[in-house]
């Protein structure tokens, strides 16, 4: 008999493991309901454009996309947030009232980065839409930790804030083009001198910087070809011609002058000093606040207040400040966090989330600005790690 192959990254779950997973799911559902979240069921398929708007293209190469019999470009959901926001907008819910919803189900990502190499896994998450109060930042992280503690006690929290790096770049008078470029490469900057050297070379090739500020830049045609290659290398080759052209036009038109190499290197070194500093969370925040502007100190104070509240209310072994966190998810605008736990020789993300105050506007008519935040558990990761401790 010819063998029937299971698709790579998919899995069949039988017997005791299936029961165990169902029990964990039911436990999280009961926990979220007790925390005043209401369930919403969302479709497994969405229009590809909706998902790309939300991710800024970063999920494009990881999505299962195809054309349906009606000729529409659709995709299996790679996450839930965009679907939840779409449902919120379609229902015309009052954005002045905080809507608390939760969901669960399968998501699909064409990647080997997930625990066990899974490309299909179960996500349980929640969203608070219309959530402007700063106290809700603390509530969301608290809920995420308490839910995780139902299964795991040995966990760590990585937490950051998107506006700190953005504000620093603004105060350094960095152009919008370079802000985008730097934000997309914080992990490279963390490599130190070697990473900074890579970025200087790439920025010069793209015409973002020059040896002299008045040096003639490559023409837009040459820069456009380089940018096309750059976007593809970032995994944005599935966006379609229209979307890449829009990104390219916007990118090339963001100013007609470039920053000098020397100033660019100084900027990168400033960012490196901030995102690479390690230590106890108060020490890191004090280091960043030192000689910072009033605006940055206000953001740091808000972040510190969240952490202080967490330490009084939840069980957490280790809290780390990571100011590069969340840059790979373009819609985050404020607080961002990850909850991790050790599995074999790796530190695995079991929950992550943050604030995304611009996403409702981006997915809507471009006019309604609605604050929101949320998080999601990777139920398969939770199950694998919790089973090790039994």
Protein backbone atom coordinates (compact mmCIF):
# COMPACT_ATOMS: atom_id res chain seq x y z
CA UNK A 1 0.00 0.00 0.00
CA UNK A 2 1.32 3.42 -0.93
CA UNK A 3 2.18 5.49 2.13
CA UNK A 4 0.00 8.50 2.93
CA UNK A 5 2.33 11.31 3.88
CA UNK A 6 1.52 13.90 6.49
CA UNK A 7 2.36 17.40 5.30
CA UNK A 8 5.52 18.85 6.80
CA UNK A 9 4.79 20.90 9.90
CA UNK A 10 1.36 19.30 10.44
CA UNK A 11 0.53 16.68 13.04
CA UNK A 12 -2.09 14.16 14.13
CA UNK A 13 -2.91 14.21 17.84
CA UNK A 14 -4.37 11.08 19.44
CA UNK A 15 -5.79 9.82 22.69
CA UNK A 16 -4.25 11.15 25.92
CA UNK A 17 -2.45 14.07 24.27
CA UNK A 18 -5.66 15.15 22.52
CA UNK A 19 -7.52 14.97 25.85
CA UNK A 20 -4.75 16.87 27.61
CA UNK A 21 -4.84 19.62 25.00
CA UNK A 22 -8.63 19.89 25.26
CA UNK A 23 -8.41 20.19 29.05
CA UNK A 24 -5.79 22.96 28.75
CA UNK A 25 -7.95 24.78 26.21
CA UNK A 26 -11.03 24.54 28.42
CA UNK A 27 -9.00 25.79 31.39
CA UNK A 28 -7.89 28.90 29.48
CA UNK A 29 -11.41 29.52 28.17
CA UNK A 30 -12.85 29.38 31.71
CA UNK A 31 -10.06 31.65 32.93
CA UNK A 32 -10.72 34.29 30.24
CA UNK A 33 -14.47 34.14 30.81
CA UNK A 34 -13.89 34.69 34.53
CA UNK A 35 -11.80 37.74 33.54
CA UNK A 36 -14.84 39.19 31.69
CA UNK A 37 -13.76 38.38 28.13
CA UNK A 38 -16.47 37.27 25.70
CA UNK A 39 -15.84 34.62 23.05
CA UNK A 40 -15.82 35.35 19.33
CA UNK A 41 -15.57 32.74 16.57
CA UNK A 42 -13.58 33.89 13.55
CA UNK A 43 -13.15 32.37 10.06
CA UNK A 44 -10.10 30.36 9.17
CA UNK A 45 -9.84 32.12 5.77
CA UNK A 46 -9.40 35.85 5.19
CA UNK A 47 -8.62 38.07 2.22
CA UNK A 48 -4.86 38.18 1.77
CA UNK A 49 -4.83 41.99 1.60
CA UNK A 50 -6.34 42.24 5.09
CA UNK A 51 -3.58 40.11 6.58
CA UNK A 52 -0.83 41.97 4.71
CA UNK A 53 -2.11 45.36 5.84
CA UNK A 54 -1.88 44.21 9.43
CA UNK A 55 1.57 42.65 9.23
CA UNK A 56 3.22 45.28 7.04
CA UNK A 57 4.33 42.43 4.81
CA UNK A 58 6.43 40.63 7.40
CA UNK A 59 4.18 37.56 7.31
CA UNK A 60 3.93 37.46 3.51
CA UNK A 61 6.46 34.69 2.97
CA UNK A 62 4.98 32.64 5.84
CA UNK A 63 1.35 32.64 4.70
CA UNK A 64 -0.54 29.85 2.97
CA UNK A 65 -2.10 31.92 0.18
CA UNK A 66 -4.04 30.94 -2.92
CA UNK A 67 -6.73 32.08 -5.35
CA UNK A 68 -10.20 30.72 -4.65
CA UNK A 69 -12.61 29.54 -7.39
CA UNK A 70 -14.10 33.06 -7.44
CA UNK A 71 -10.72 34.59 -8.29
CA UNK A 72 -10.12 36.21 -4.90
CA UNK A 73 -6.73 36.15 -3.19
CA UNK A 74 -7.25 34.50 0.19
CA UNK A 75 -5.06 32.99 2.91
CA UNK A 76 -5.25 30.66 5.86
CA UNK A 77 -5.04 32.87 8.94
CA UNK A 78 -1.47 33.24 10.29
CA UNK A 79 -2.86 34.91 13.44
CA UNK A 80 -6.17 36.27 14.80
CA UNK A 81 -5.74 39.98 15.50
CA UNK A 82 -6.57 41.28 12.03
CA UNK A 83 -9.72 39.11 11.91
CA UNK A 84 -10.78 40.38 15.34
CA UNK A 85 -10.30 44.01 14.29
CA UNK A 86 -12.18 43.39 11.02
CA UNK A 87 -15.09 41.91 13.00
CA UNK A 88 -15.02 44.90 15.37
CA UNK A 89 -15.19 47.34 12.45
CA UNK A 90 -17.92 45.39 10.63
CA UNK A 91 -20.11 45.33 13.75
CA UNK A 92 -19.68 49.12 14.15
CA UNK A 93 -19.07 48.73 17.88
CA UNK A 94 -18.69 51.98 19.83
CA UNK A 95 -14.90 52.58 20.05
CA UNK A 96 -15.40 54.64 23.23
CA UNK A 97 -16.33 51.45 25.10
CA UNK A 98 -13.65 48.85 25.80
CA UNK A 99 -14.56 45.60 24.04
CA UNK A 100 -12.99 42.49 25.61
CA UNK A 101 -13.03 39.42 23.36
CA UNK A 102 -11.21 36.09 23.24
CA UNK A 103 -10.81 33.41 20.58
CA UNK A 104 -9.07 30.13 19.91
CA UNK A 105 -8.31 27.92 16.95
CA UNK A 106 -5.70 26.79 14.45
CA UNK A 107 -3.31 29.21 12.75
CA UNK A 108 -0.96 28.42 9.88
CA UNK A 109 2.53 29.73 9.17
CA UNK A 110 4.91 28.35 6.57
CA UNK A 111 7.99 28.35 8.79
CA UNK A 112 10.19 26.01 10.80
CA UNK A 113 10.76 28.54 13.59
CA UNK A 114 7.96 27.26 15.82
CA UNK A 115 8.51 24.69 18.56
CA UNK A 116 8.68 21.21 17.06
CA UNK A 117 8.87 22.70 13.56
CA UNK A 118 5.08 23.08 13.53
CA UNK A 119 3.40 25.04 10.75
CA UNK A 120 -0.05 24.52 12.22
CA UNK A 121 -0.70 25.20 15.87
CA UNK A 122 -3.44 26.29 18.23
CA UNK A 123 -3.60 29.85 19.46
CA UNK A 124 -5.69 31.15 22.35
CA UNK A 125 -5.79 34.90 22.65
CA UNK A 126 -7.71 38.01 23.55
CA UNK A 127 -8.07 41.63 22.48
CA UNK A 128 -9.14 44.77 24.30
CA UNK A 129 -10.34 47.23 21.65
CA UNK A 130 -11.08 50.78 22.75
CA UNK A 131 -8.60 50.36 25.61
CA UNK A 132 -6.95 53.73 26.17
CA UNK A 133 -6.30 53.56 29.92
CA UNK A 134 -2.68 52.93 30.88
CA UNK A 135 -3.92 50.68 33.68
CA UNK A 136 -5.10 48.22 31.02
CA UNK A 137 -1.48 47.66 29.99
CA UNK A 138 -0.88 46.20 33.44
CA UNK A 139 -4.14 44.25 33.33
CA UNK A 140 -3.26 42.59 30.02
CA UNK A 141 0.23 41.49 31.10
CA UNK A 142 -1.15 40.32 34.45
CA UNK A 143 -3.83 38.25 32.70
CA UNK A 144 -1.25 36.72 30.35
CA UNK A 145 1.04 35.72 33.23
CA UNK A 146 -1.76 34.38 35.43
CA UNK A 147 -3.09 32.26 32.57
CA UNK A 148 0.38 30.89 31.88
CA UNK A 149 0.86 30.11 35.58
CA UNK A 150 -2.09 27.73 35.36
CA UNK A 151 0.33 25.34 33.62
CA UNK A 152 3.87 26.68 34.11
CA UNK A 153 5.60 28.23 37.10
CA UNK A 154 9.14 28.59 35.75
CA UNK A 155 8.58 31.47 33.33
CA UNK A 156 10.33 34.70 32.36
CA UNK A 157 8.99 38.02 31.10
CA UNK A 158 10.61 40.12 28.39
CA UNK A 159 9.07 43.55 28.19
CA UNK A 160 9.69 46.72 26.24
CA UNK A 161 8.06 49.78 24.72
CA UNK A 162 8.06 50.66 21.04
CA UNK A 163 7.98 54.41 21.58
CA UNK A 164 11.36 54.59 23.33
CA UNK A 165 13.42 53.81 20.22
CA UNK A 166 11.04 55.82 18.01
CA UNK A 167 11.35 58.87 20.25
CA UNK A 168 15.15 58.60 20.40
CA UNK A 169 15.33 58.48 16.59
CA UNK A 170 13.03 61.51 16.36
CA UNK A 171 15.24 63.46 18.75
CA UNK A 172 18.29 62.53 16.66
CA UNK A 173 16.49 64.03 13.62
CA UNK A 174 16.60 60.74 11.75
CA UNK A 175 14.57 60.77 8.53
CA UNK A 176 11.49 58.59 8.21
CA UNK A 177 13.32 56.43 5.68
CA UNK A 178 16.15 55.73 8.09
CA UNK A 179 13.77 55.23 11.03
CA UNK A 180 12.06 52.46 9.07
CA UNK A 181 15.40 50.97 8.08
CA UNK A 182 16.88 51.06 11.60
CA UNK A 183 13.71 49.71 13.23
CA UNK A 184 13.70 46.72 10.86
CA UNK A 185 17.30 45.87 11.78
CA UNK A 186 17.55 46.20 15.56
CA UNK A 187 18.57 42.55 15.84
CA UNK A 188 21.48 43.27 13.48
CA UNK A 189 22.51 46.33 15.50
CA UNK A 190 22.62 44.07 18.58
CA UNK A 191 25.52 42.20 16.94
CA UNK A 192 27.72 45.22 17.64
CA UNK A 193 30.48 46.42 15.32
CA UNK A 194 29.99 43.63 12.78
CA UNK A 195 26.25 44.29 12.58
CA UNK A 196 26.71 48.04 12.30
CA UNK A 197 29.23 47.52 9.49
CA UNK A 198 26.67 45.38 7.61
CA UNK A 199 23.99 48.04 7.94
CA UNK A 200 26.27 50.85 6.80
CA UNK A 201 27.04 48.92 3.62
CA UNK A 202 23.38 48.10 2.98
CA UNK A 203 22.24 51.68 3.68
CA UNK A 204 24.84 53.05 1.26
CA UNK A 205 23.72 50.63 -1.45
CA UNK A 206 20.11 51.74 -0.96
CA UNK A 207 21.11 55.40 -1.17
CA UNK A 208 20.03 56.10 2.40
CA UNK A 209 23.43 57.45 3.43
CA UNK A 210 26.46 58.86 1.65
CA UNK A 211 30.08 59.54 2.49
CA UNK A 212 29.28 63.24 2.30
CA UNK A 213 25.89 64.82 2.92
CA UNK A 214 26.01 66.62 -0.44
CA UNK A 215 27.19 63.58 -2.36
CA UNK A 216 25.01 62.71 -5.37
CA UNK A 217 22.70 59.80 -4.61
CA UNK A 218 22.00 56.92 -6.97
CA UNK A 219 19.10 57.78 -9.25
CA UNK A 220 15.64 56.53 -8.33
CA UNK A 221 15.70 53.82 -10.99
CA UNK A 222 18.88 52.28 -9.56
CA UNK A 223 17.66 52.71 -5.99
CA UNK A 224 14.32 51.20 -6.97
CA UNK A 225 16.01 48.04 -8.22
CA UNK A 226 18.02 47.80 -5.00
CA UNK A 227 14.88 48.35 -2.93
CA UNK A 228 13.00 45.65 -4.84
CA UNK A 229 15.80 43.23 -3.94
CA UNK A 230 15.84 44.49 -0.34
CA UNK A 231 12.09 43.95 0.13
CA UNK A 232 12.34 40.45 -1.29
CA UNK A 233 15.20 39.59 1.06
CA UNK A 234 12.97 40.71 3.94
CA UNK A 235 10.40 38.12 2.87
CA UNK A 236 8.07 40.62 1.20
CA UNK A 237 8.11 39.05 -2.27
CA UNK A 238 4.55 37.74 -2.01
CA UNK A 239 2.97 41.17 -1.63
CA UNK A 240 2.13 41.61 -5.30
CA UNK A 241 3.35 44.31 -7.69
CA UNK A 242 0.95 47.00 -6.48
CA UNK A 243 1.95 46.76 -2.84
CA UNK A 244 5.70 46.68 -3.49
CA UNK A 245 5.34 49.65 -5.86
CA UNK A 246 3.47 51.60 -3.19
CA UNK A 247 6.13 50.83 -0.60
CA UNK A 248 8.90 51.68 -3.06
CA UNK A 249 7.37 55.02 -4.09
CA UNK A 250 6.79 56.07 -0.49
CA UNK A 251 10.28 54.96 0.53
CA UNK A 252 12.07 56.76 -2.33
CA UNK A 253 10.12 59.97 -1.83
CA UNK A 254 10.89 60.33 1.88
CA UNK A 255 13.26 63.23 1.41
CA UNK A 256 15.89 63.83 -1.29
CA UNK A 257 19.01 63.99 0.87
CA UNK A 258 20.83 61.29 2.74
CA UNK A 259 22.55 61.28 6.09
CA UNK A 260 26.32 61.14 6.17
CA UNK A 261 28.03 57.88 7.06
CA UNK A 262 29.56 59.39 10.20
CA UNK A 263 26.21 60.60 11.54
CA UNK A 264 24.57 57.29 10.66
CA UNK A 265 27.24 55.33 12.54
CA UNK A 266 26.81 57.63 15.56
CA UNK A 267 23.07 56.97 15.47
CA UNK A 268 23.56 53.20 15.27
CA UNK A 269 26.05 53.28 18.15
CA UNK A 270 23.55 55.25 20.26
CA UNK A 271 20.85 52.66 19.58
CA UNK A 272 23.30 49.80 20.22
CA UNK A 273 24.24 51.23 23.62
CA UNK A 274 20.57 51.32 24.60
CA UNK A 275 19.30 47.96 23.31
CA UNK A 276 22.39 45.96 24.30
CA UNK A 277 22.54 47.15 27.92
CA UNK A 278 21.78 44.28 30.28
CA UNK A 279 21.06 44.07 33.97
CA UNK A 280 18.28 44.19 36.55
CA UNK A 281 15.24 45.97 35.09
CA UNK A 282 15.52 49.09 37.27
CA UNK A 283 19.20 49.39 36.34
CA UNK A 284 18.40 49.15 32.62
CA UNK A 285 15.58 51.70 32.81
CA UNK A 286 17.74 54.11 34.83
CA UNK A 287 20.50 53.73 32.23
CA UNK A 288 18.12 54.62 29.41
CA UNK A 289 16.57 57.50 31.36
CA UNK A 290 19.97 59.03 32.07
CA UNK A 291 20.35 62.23 30.02
CA UNK A 292 17.08 61.43 28.19
CA UNK A 293 14.34 63.89 27.29
CA UNK A 294 11.24 64.46 29.38
CA UNK A 295 9.15 62.50 26.86
CA UNK A 296 11.39 59.42 27.08
CA UNK A 297 11.49 59.59 30.88
CA UNK A 298 7.67 59.65 30.91
CA UNK A 299 7.54 56.48 28.79
CA UNK A 300 10.12 54.81 31.03
CA UNK A 301 8.14 55.81 34.11
CA UNK A 302 4.99 54.23 32.64
CA UNK A 303 6.89 51.03 31.87
CA UNK A 304 8.41 50.98 35.36
CA UNK A 305 4.94 51.38 36.92
CA UNK A 306 3.66 48.37 34.95
CA UNK A 307 6.57 46.22 36.16
CA UNK A 308 6.20 47.36 39.78
CA UNK A 309 2.50 46.43 39.69
CA UNK A 310 3.30 43.03 38.18
CA UNK A 311 5.81 42.20 40.90
CA UNK A 312 3.11 42.78 43.52
CA UNK A 313 0.39 40.70 41.85
CA UNK A 314 1.86 37.80 39.83
CA UNK A 315 4.41 35.01 40.11
CA UNK A 316 7.33 35.66 37.76
CA UNK A 317 10.92 34.46 38.14
CA UNK A 318 12.73 36.82 35.85
CA UNK A 319 11.91 40.18 34.23
CA UNK A 320 14.09 41.45 31.39
CA UNK A 321 13.91 44.78 29.59
CA UNK A 322 14.26 44.39 25.83
CA UNK A 323 13.86 47.63 23.90
CA UNK A 324 14.28 45.86 20.56
CA UNK A 325 11.24 43.71 21.27
CA UNK A 326 8.31 43.88 18.88
CA UNK A 327 10.05 45.47 15.91
CA UNK A 328 9.35 42.36 13.84
CA UNK A 329 5.61 43.06 14.31
CA UNK A 330 4.99 46.46 12.67
CA UNK A 331 1.57 47.22 14.16
CA UNK A 332 2.76 47.43 17.79
CA UNK A 333 2.86 51.04 19.02
CA UNK A 334 3.47 50.93 22.78
CA UNK A 335 4.00 48.28 25.44
CA UNK A 336 5.19 44.90 24.09
CA UNK A 337 5.97 41.69 25.96
CA UNK A 338 6.82 38.01 25.67
CA UNK A 339 6.43 35.23 28.23
CA UNK A 340 9.00 32.47 27.79
CA UNK A 341 9.93 29.15 29.36
CA UNK A 342 12.79 26.71 28.89
CA UNK A 343 12.22 23.62 26.75
CA UNK A 344 15.16 21.25 26.26
CA UNK A 345 18.00 23.65 25.37
CA UNK A 346 15.83 26.51 24.09
CA UNK A 347 13.93 29.43 25.56
CA UNK A 348 10.47 29.18 24.00
CA UNK A 349 7.85 31.92 23.62
CA UNK A 350 4.54 30.70 25.05
CA UNK A 351 2.70 34.02 25.07
CA UNK A 352 3.25 37.42 23.50
CA UNK A 353 1.34 40.62 22.95
CA UNK A 354 1.26 44.38 23.18
CA UNK A 355 -0.49 47.62 22.33
CA UNK A 356 -1.48 48.43 18.74
CA UNK A 357 -3.25 51.80 18.75
CA UNK A 358 -2.99 52.35 14.96
CA UNK A 359 -4.20 49.00 13.62
CA UNK A 360 -7.94 49.77 13.74
CA UNK A 361 -7.30 52.92 11.69
CA UNK A 362 -5.07 51.09 9.20
CA UNK A 363 -7.61 48.31 8.61
CA UNK A 364 -10.58 50.70 8.67
CA UNK A 365 -11.22 53.88 6.73
CA UNK A 366 -7.96 55.50 7.76
CA UNK A 367 -9.71 58.02 9.99
CA UNK A 368 -10.88 56.25 13.14
CA UNK A 369 -8.07 56.01 15.68
CA UNK A 370 -8.96 53.40 18.29
CA UNK A 371 -6.58 52.27 21.05
CA UNK A 372 -6.23 48.51 21.47
CA UNK A 373 -4.02 45.81 22.94
CA UNK A 374 -3.98 42.05 23.26
CA UNK A 375 -1.98 38.84 23.49
CA UNK A 376 -2.07 35.18 22.52
CA UNK A 377 -0.85 31.84 23.88
CA UNK A 378 0.73 29.16 21.74
CA UNK A 379 -1.23 26.24 23.18
CA UNK A 380 1.00 23.60 21.58
CA UNK A 381 4.10 25.16 23.14
CA UNK A 382 2.35 25.33 26.51
CA UNK A 383 1.43 21.66 26.27
CA UNK A 384 4.89 20.46 25.24
CA UNK A 385 6.65 22.35 28.03
CA UNK A 386 4.11 21.46 30.72
CA UNK A 387 4.37 17.75 29.85
CA UNK A 388 8.13 17.81 30.47
CA UNK A 389 7.54 18.88 34.07
CA UNK A 390 5.10 16.06 34.84
